[in-house]
Amino acid sequence: MAWPDIDLTTLVTTLDSTASEIAAHQRDSTVQRKDLAQKTKDFRKLDDASKLSEIKGLLKGKQHLVPQLFKGA
């Protein structure tokens, strides 16, 4: 492919769009990680009886987040 064959206007538009999607994904994953970290801290402070009822939700959150973090890797 030669330089004259490259449509720079379309390429720049496509790259800008991709960069925006990546930035949005990074923001979302950061918010989700911080939320899960806070839930984990709160979970550690619970008594044993409360932990039994809360563990399911915490594990589901971790199971949902981990594949998302590594999907793009």
PDB file of N, CA and C in Angstrom:
ATOM      1  N   MET A   1       0.838  -1.160   0.000  1.00  0.00           N
ATOM      2  CA  MET A   1       0.000   0.000   0.000  1.00  0.00           C
ATOM      3  C   MET A   1       0.897   1.242   0.000  1.00  0.00           C
ATOM      4  N   ALA A   2       0.634   2.119  -0.903  1.00  0.00           N
ATOM      5  CA  ALA A   2       1.421   3.341  -1.033  1.00  0.00           C
ATOM      6  C   ALA A   2       0.747   4.484  -0.278  1.00  0.00           C
ATOM      7  N   TRP A   3       1.517   5.496   0.040  1.00  0.00           N
ATOM      8  CA  TRP A   3       0.996   6.635   0.779  1.00  0.00           C
ATOM      9  C   TRP A   3      -0.209   7.298   0.116  1.00  0.00           C
ATOM     10  N   PRO A   4      -0.212   7.470  -1.191  1.00  0.00           N
ATOM     11  CA  PRO A   4      -1.379   8.110  -1.808  1.00  0.00           C
ATOM     12  C   PRO A   4      -2.659   7.277  -1.682  1.00  0.00           C
ATOM     13  N   ASP A   5      -2.521   5.994  -1.436  1.00  0.00           N
ATOM     14  CA  ASP A   5      -3.694   5.124  -1.343  1.00  0.00           C
ATOM     15  C   ASP A   5      -4.365   5.184   0.030  1.00  0.00           C
ATOM     16  N   ILE A   6      -3.709   5.788   1.000  1.00  0.00           N
ATOM     17  CA  ILE A   6      -4.258   5.835   2.354  1.00  0.00           C
ATOM     18  C   ILE A   6      -5.169   7.044   2.488  1.00  0.00           C
ATOM     19  N   ASP A   7      -6.377   6.790   2.955  1.00  0.00           N
ATOM     20  CA  ASP A   7      -7.347   7.864   3.189  1.00  0.00           C
ATOM     21  C   ASP A   7      -7.173   8.338   4.628  1.00  0.00           C
ATOM     22  N   LEU A   8      -6.348   9.368   4.815  1.00  0.00           N
ATOM     23  CA  LEU A   8      -6.010   9.830   6.154  1.00  0.00           C
ATOM     24  C   LEU A   8      -7.214  10.367   6.924  1.00  0.00           C
ATOM     25  N   THR A   9      -8.147  10.991   6.246  1.00  0.00           N
ATOM     26  CA  THR A   9      -9.324  11.534   6.925  1.00  0.00           C
ATOM     27  C   THR A   9     -10.127  10.417   7.574  1.00  0.00           C
ATOM     28  N   THR A  10     -10.353   9.352   6.850  1.00  0.00           N
ATOM     29  CA  THR A  10     -11.095   8.212   7.391  1.00  0.00           C
ATOM     30  C   THR A  10     -10.296   7.513   8.480  1.00  0.00           C
ATOM     31  N   LEU A  11      -9.001   7.387   8.266  1.00  0.00           N
ATOM     32  CA  LEU A  11      -8.146   6.732   9.245  1.00  0.00           C
ATOM     33  C   LEU A  11      -8.132   7.496  10.566  1.00  0.00           C
ATOM     34  N   VAL A  12      -8.012   8.802  10.509  1.00  0.00           N
ATOM     35  CA  VAL A  12      -8.007   9.619  11.726  1.00  0.00           C
ATOM     36  C   VAL A  12      -9.346   9.501  12.445  1.00  0.00           C
ATOM     37  N   THR A  13     -10.439   9.531  11.712  1.00  0.00           N
ATOM     38  CA  THR A  13     -11.770   9.400  12.304  1.00  0.00           C
ATOM     39  C   THR A  13     -11.914   8.050  12.993  1.00  0.00           C
ATOM     40  N   THR A  14     -11.458   6.998  12.343  1.00  0.00           N
ATOM     41  CA  THR A  14     -11.539   5.649  12.908  1.00  0.00           C
ATOM     42  C   THR A  14     -10.679   5.535  14.164  1.00  0.00           C
ATOM     43  N   LEU A  15      -9.477   6.073  14.106  1.00  0.00           N
ATOM     44  CA  LEU A  15      -8.590   6.015  15.274  1.00  0.00           C
ATOM     45  C   LEU A  15      -9.127   6.832  16.443  1.00  0.00           C
ATOM     46  N   ASP A  16      -9.722   7.984  16.160  1.00  0.00           N
ATOM     47  CA  ASP A  16     -10.327   8.800  17.218  1.00  0.00           C
ATOM     48  C   ASP A  16     -11.469   8.050  17.889  1.00  0.00           C
ATOM     49  N   SER A  17     -12.272   7.403  17.089  1.00  0.00           N
ATOM     50  CA  SER A  17     -13.391   6.634  17.621  1.00  0.00           C
ATOM     51  C   SER A  17     -12.895   5.485  18.496  1.00  0.00           C
ATOM     52  N   THR A  18     -11.880   4.780  18.014  1.00  0.00           N
ATOM     53  CA  THR A  18     -11.313   3.663  18.768  1.00  0.00           C
ATOM     54  C   THR A  18     -10.695   4.149  20.072  1.00  0.00           C
ATOM     55  N   ALA A  19     -10.002   5.269  20.021  1.00  0.00           N
ATOM     56  CA  ALA A  19      -9.388   5.826  21.234  1.00  0.00           C
ATOM     57  C   ALA A  19     -10.460   6.220  22.252  1.00  0.00           C
ATOM     58  N   SER A  20     -11.560   6.762  21.783  1.00  0.00           N
ATOM     59  CA  SER A  20     -12.657   7.129  22.688  1.00  0.00           C
ATOM     60  C   SER A  20     -13.259   5.891  23.347  1.00  0.00           C
ATOM     61  N   GLU A  21     -13.418   4.819  22.582  1.00  0.00           N
ATOM     62  CA  GLU A  21     -13.956   3.573  23.128  1.00  0.00           C
ATOM     63  C   GLU A  21     -13.014   2.986  24.181  1.00  0.00           C
ATOM     64  N   ILE A  22     -11.717   3.032  23.902  1.00  0.00           N
ATOM     65  CA  ILE A  22     -10.732   2.510  24.854  1.00  0.00           C
ATOM     66  C   ILE A  22     -10.752   3.329  26.142  1.00  0.00           C
ATOM     67  N   ALA A  23     -10.804   4.635  26.023  1.00  0.00           N
ATOM     68  CA  ALA A  23     -10.828   5.500  27.204  1.00  0.00           C
ATOM     69  C   ALA A  23     -12.090   5.251  28.030  1.00  0.00           C
ATOM     70  N   ALA A  24     -13.228   5.081  27.366  1.00  0.00           N
ATOM     71  CA  ALA A  24     -14.476   4.805  28.079  1.00  0.00           C
ATOM     72  C   ALA A  24     -14.393   3.469  28.807  1.00  0.00           C
ATOM     73  N   HIS A  25     -13.832   2.466  28.150  1.00  0.00           N
ATOM     74  CA  HIS A  25     -13.681   1.154  28.765  1.00  0.00           C
ATOM     75  C   HIS A  25     -12.757   1.225  29.986  1.00  0.00           C
ATOM     76  N   GLN A  26     -11.685   1.977  29.877  1.00  0.00           N
ATOM     77  CA  GLN A  26     -10.756   2.129  30.995  1.00  0.00           C
ATOM     78  C   GLN A  26     -11.431   2.813  32.181  1.00  0.00           C
ATOM     79  N   ARG A  27     -12.224   3.854  31.907  1.00  0.00           N
ATOM     80  CA  ARG A  27     -12.942   4.548  32.982  1.00  0.00           C
ATOM     81  C   ARG A  27     -13.934   3.599  33.656  1.00  0.00           C
ATOM     82  N   ASP A  28     -14.684   2.862  32.839  1.00  0.00           N
ATOM     83  CA  ASP A  28     -15.677   1.934  33.388  1.00  0.00           C
ATOM     84  C   ASP A  28     -15.020   0.858  34.241  1.00  0.00           C
ATOM     85  N   SER A  29     -13.930   0.295  33.750  1.00  0.00           N
ATOM     86  CA  SER A  29     -13.280  -0.773  34.506  1.00  0.00           C
ATOM     87  C   SER A  29     -12.658  -0.242  35.792  1.00  0.00           C
ATOM     88  N   THR A  30     -12.159   0.984  35.776  1.00  0.00           N
ATOM     89  CA  THR A  30     -11.605   1.585  36.988  1.00  0.00           C
ATOM     90  C   THR A  30     -12.702   1.780  38.033  1.00  0.00           C
ATOM     91  N   VAL A  31     -13.845   2.267  37.602  1.00  0.00           N
ATOM     92  CA  VAL A  31     -14.969   2.460  38.520  1.00  0.00           C
ATOM     93  C   VAL A  31     -15.423   1.122  39.088  1.00  0.00           C
ATOM     94  N   GLN A  32     -15.514   0.103  38.239  1.00  0.00           N
ATOM     95  CA  GLN A  32     -15.943  -1.221  38.697  1.00  0.00           C
ATOM     96  C   GLN A  32     -14.934  -1.820  39.678  1.00  0.00           C
ATOM     97  N   ARG A  33     -13.645  -1.657  39.393  1.00  0.00           N
ATOM     98  CA  ARG A  33     -12.615  -2.198  40.294  1.00  0.00           C
ATOM     99  C   ARG A  33     -12.667  -1.502  41.653  1.00  0.00           C
ATOM    100  N   LYS A  34     -12.830  -0.183  41.650  1.00  0.00           N
ATOM    101  CA  LYS A  34     -12.896   0.550  42.911  1.00  0.00           C
ATOM    102  C   LYS A  34     -14.141   0.159  43.705  1.00  0.00           C
ATOM    103  N   ASP A  35     -15.245  -0.026  43.021  1.00  0.00           N
ATOM    104  CA  ASP A  35     -16.479  -0.439  43.681  1.00  0.00           C
ATOM    105  C   ASP A  35     -16.311  -1.824  44.301  1.00  0.00           C
ATOM    106  N   LEU A  36     -15.726  -2.739  43.560  1.00  0.00           N
ATOM    107  CA  LEU A  36     -15.514  -4.085  44.072  1.00  0.00           C
ATOM    108  C   LEU A  36     -14.516  -4.084  45.234  1.00  0.00           C
ATOM    109  N   ALA A  37     -13.506  -3.245  45.156  1.00  0.00           N
ATOM    110  CA  ALA A  37     -12.545  -3.132  46.253  1.00  0.00           C
ATOM    111  C   ALA A  37     -13.231  -2.625  47.519  1.00  0.00           C
ATOM    112  N   GLN A  38     -14.119  -1.661  47.369  1.00  0.00           N
ATOM    113  CA  GLN A  38     -14.851  -1.140  48.530  1.00  0.00           C
ATOM    114  C   GLN A  38     -15.773  -2.204  49.101  1.00  0.00           C
ATOM    115  N   LYS A  39     -16.443  -2.951  48.234  1.00  0.00           N
ATOM    116  CA  LYS A  39     -17.317  -4.029  48.707  1.00  0.00           C
ATOM    117  C   LYS A  39     -16.510  -5.093  49.443  1.00  0.00           C
ATOM    118  N   THR A  40     -15.307  -5.371  48.973  1.00  0.00           N
ATOM    119  CA  THR A  40     -14.448  -6.351  49.634  1.00  0.00           C
ATOM    120  C   THR A  40     -14.030  -5.848  51.019  1.00  0.00           C
ATOM    121  N   LYS A  41     -13.682  -4.566  51.119  1.00  0.00           N
ATOM    122  CA  LYS A  41     -13.322  -3.994  52.418  1.00  0.00           C
ATOM    123  C   LYS A  41     -14.501  -4.055  53.387  1.00  0.00           C
ATOM    124  N   ASP A  42     -15.680  -3.713  52.881  1.00  0.00           N
ATOM    125  CA  ASP A  42     -16.872  -3.762  53.723  1.00  0.00           C
ATOM    126  C   ASP A  42     -17.171  -5.196  54.159  1.00  0.00           C
ATOM    127  N   PHE A  43     -16.958  -6.145  53.253  1.00  0.00           N
ATOM    128  CA  PHE A  43     -17.201  -7.551  53.556  1.00  0.00           C
ATOM    129  C   PHE A  43     -16.295  -8.032  54.687  1.00  0.00           C
ATOM    130  N   ARG A  44     -15.061  -7.623  54.668  1.00  0.00           N
ATOM    131  CA  ARG A  44     -14.098  -8.047  55.696  1.00  0.00           C
ATOM    132  C   ARG A  44     -14.503  -7.568  57.083  1.00  0.00           C
ATOM    133  N   LYS A  45     -15.242  -6.473  57.155  1.00  0.00           N
ATOM    134  CA  LYS A  45     -15.648  -5.913  58.440  1.00  0.00           C
ATOM    135  C   LYS A  45     -16.893  -6.592  59.018  1.00  0.00           C
ATOM    136  N   LEU A  46     -17.589  -7.388  58.220  1.00  0.00           N
ATOM    137  CA  LEU A  46     -18.822  -8.022  58.671  1.00  0.00           C
ATOM    138  C   LEU A  46     -18.540  -9.156  59.651  1.00  0.00           C
ATOM    139  N   ASP A  47     -19.550  -9.464  60.464  1.00  0.00           N
ATOM    140  CA  ASP A  47     -19.417 -10.626  61.344  1.00  0.00           C
ATOM    141  C   ASP A  47     -19.647 -11.895  60.512  1.00  0.00           C
ATOM    142  N   ASP A  48     -19.332 -13.035  61.091  1.00  0.00           N
ATOM    143  CA  ASP A  48     -19.370 -14.295  60.339  1.00  0.00           C
ATOM    144  C   ASP A  48     -20.758 -14.610  59.782  1.00  0.00           C
ATOM    145  N   ALA A  49     -21.794 -14.339  60.533  1.00  0.00           N
ATOM    146  CA  ALA A  49     -23.151 -14.632  60.068  1.00  0.00           C
ATOM    147  C   ALA A  49     -23.505 -13.783  58.843  1.00  0.00           C
ATOM    148  N   SER A  50     -23.118 -12.538  58.869  1.00  0.00           N
ATOM    149  CA  SER A  50     -23.397 -11.652  57.733  1.00  0.00           C
ATOM    150  C   SER A  50     -22.554 -12.029  56.516  1.00  0.00           C
ATOM    151  N   LYS A  51     -21.348 -12.489  56.758  1.00  0.00           N
ATOM    152  CA  LYS A  51     -20.476 -12.886  55.654  1.00  0.00           C
ATOM    153  C   LYS A  51     -21.089 -14.018  54.850  1.00  0.00           C
ATOM    154  N   LEU A  52     -21.757 -14.946  55.534  1.00  0.00           N
ATOM    155  CA  LEU A  52     -22.376 -16.067  54.830  1.00  0.00           C
ATOM    156  C   LEU A  52     -23.434 -15.604  53.838  1.00  0.00           C
ATOM    157  N   SER A  53     -24.175 -14.576  54.185  1.00  0.00           N
ATOM    158  CA  SER A  53     -25.218 -14.091  53.280  1.00  0.00           C
ATOM    159  C   SER A  53     -24.666 -13.170  52.193  1.00  0.00           C
ATOM    160  N   GLU A  54     -23.549 -12.519  52.445  1.00  0.00           N
ATOM    161  CA  GLU A  54     -22.991 -11.553  51.498  1.00  0.00           C
ATOM    162  C   GLU A  54     -21.959 -12.139  50.536  1.00  0.00           C
ATOM    163  N   ILE A  55     -21.465 -13.326  50.814  1.00  0.00           N
ATOM    164  CA  ILE A  55     -20.370 -13.888  50.016  1.00  0.00           C
ATOM    165  C   ILE A  55     -20.792 -14.142  48.577  1.00  0.00           C
ATOM    166  N   LYS A  56     -22.034 -14.557  48.372  1.00  0.00           N
ATOM    167  CA  LYS A  56     -22.495 -14.880  47.023  1.00  0.00           C
ATOM    168  C   LYS A  56     -22.417 -13.662  46.101  1.00  0.00           C
ATOM    169  N   GLY A  57     -22.902 -12.528  46.575  1.00  0.00           N
ATOM    170  CA  GLY A  57     -22.869 -11.307  45.770  1.00  0.00           C
ATOM    171  C   GLY A  57     -21.454 -10.842  45.474  1.00  0.00           C
ATOM    172  N   LEU A  58     -20.579 -10.960  46.455  1.00  0.00           N
ATOM    173  CA  LEU A  58     -19.191 -10.549  46.277  1.00  0.00           C
ATOM    174  C   LEU A  58     -18.486 -11.435  45.249  1.00  0.00           C
ATOM    175  N   LEU A  59     -18.708 -12.738  45.354  1.00  0.00           N
ATOM    176  CA  LEU A  59     -18.091 -13.653  44.387  1.00  0.00           C
ATOM    177  C   LEU A  59     -18.612 -13.423  42.977  1.00  0.00           C
ATOM    178  N   LYS A  60     -19.903 -13.177  42.845  1.00  0.00           N
ATOM    179  CA  LYS A  60     -20.460 -12.897  41.516  1.00  0.00           C
ATOM    180  C   LYS A  60     -19.838 -11.637  40.917  1.00  0.00           C
ATOM    181  N   GLY A  61     -19.626 -10.638  41.759  1.00  0.00           N
ATOM    182  CA  GLY A  61     -18.991  -9.409  41.290  1.00  0.00           C
ATOM    183  C   GLY A  61     -17.580  -9.662  40.791  1.00  0.00           C
ATOM    184  N   LYS A  62     -16.832 -10.476  41.524  1.00  0.00           N
ATOM    185  CA  LYS A  62     -15.461 -10.799  41.114  1.00  0.00           C
ATOM    186  C   LYS A  62     -15.460 -11.659  39.852  1.00  0.00           C
ATOM    187  N   GLN A  63     -16.376 -12.616  39.775  1.00  0.00           N
ATOM    188  CA  GLN A  63     -16.448 -13.482  38.594  1.00  0.00           C
ATOM    189  C   GLN A  63     -16.836 -12.691  37.352  1.00  0.00           C
ATOM    190  N   HIS A  64     -17.603 -11.649  37.528  1.00  0.00           N
ATOM    191  CA  HIS A  64     -18.014 -10.822  36.393  1.00  0.00           C
ATOM    192  C   HIS A  64     -16.889  -9.877  35.960  1.00  0.00           C
ATOM    193  N   LEU A  65     -16.154  -9.346  36.920  1.00  0.00           N
ATOM    194  CA  LEU A  65     -15.142  -8.333  36.626  1.00  0.00           C
ATOM    195  C   LEU A  65     -13.856  -8.917  36.044  1.00  0.00           C
ATOM    196  N   VAL A  66     -13.393 -10.026  36.553  1.00  0.00           N
ATOM    197  CA  VAL A  66     -12.104 -10.580  36.131  1.00  0.00           C
ATOM    198  C   VAL A  66     -12.059 -10.875  34.624  1.00  0.00           C
ATOM    199  N   PRO A  67     -13.039 -11.545  34.052  1.00  0.00           N
ATOM    200  CA  PRO A  67     -12.974 -11.774  32.595  1.00  0.00           C
ATOM    201  C   PRO A  67     -13.007 -10.473  31.789  1.00  0.00           C
ATOM    202  N   GLN A  68     -13.722  -9.477  32.292  1.00  0.00           N
ATOM    203  CA  GLN A  68     -13.760  -8.194  31.589  1.00  0.00           C
ATOM    204  C   GLN A  68     -12.396  -7.520  31.576  1.00  0.00           C
ATOM    205  N   LEU A  69     -11.677  -7.639  32.682  1.00  0.00           N
ATOM    206  CA  LEU A  69     -10.359  -7.011  32.759  1.00  0.00           C
ATOM    207  C   LEU A  69      -9.368  -7.647  31.798  1.00  0.00           C
ATOM    208  N   PHE A  70      -9.476  -8.957  31.600  1.00  0.00           N
ATOM    209  CA  PHE A  70      -8.510  -9.667  30.780  1.00  0.00           C
ATOM    210  C   PHE A  70      -8.991  -9.928  29.361  1.00  0.00           C
ATOM    211  N   LYS A  71     -10.209  -9.528  29.034  1.00  0.00           N
ATOM    212  CA  LYS A  71     -10.760  -9.756  27.705  1.00  0.00           C
ATOM    213  C   LYS A  71      -9.941  -9.032  26.636  1.00  0.00           C
ATOM    214  N   GLY A  72      -9.516  -7.823  26.920  1.00  0.00           N
ATOM    215  CA  GLY A  72      -8.763  -7.053  25.949  1.00  0.00           C
ATOM    216  C   GLY A  72      -7.258  -7.260  25.997  1.00  0.00           C
ATOM    217  N   ALA A  73      -6.801  -8.047  26.941  1.00  0.00           N
ATOM    218  CA  ALA A  73      -5.358  -8.240  27.117  1.00  0.00           C
ATOM    219  C   ALA A  73      -4.750  -9.103  26.045  1.00  0.00           C
TER     220      ALA A  73
END
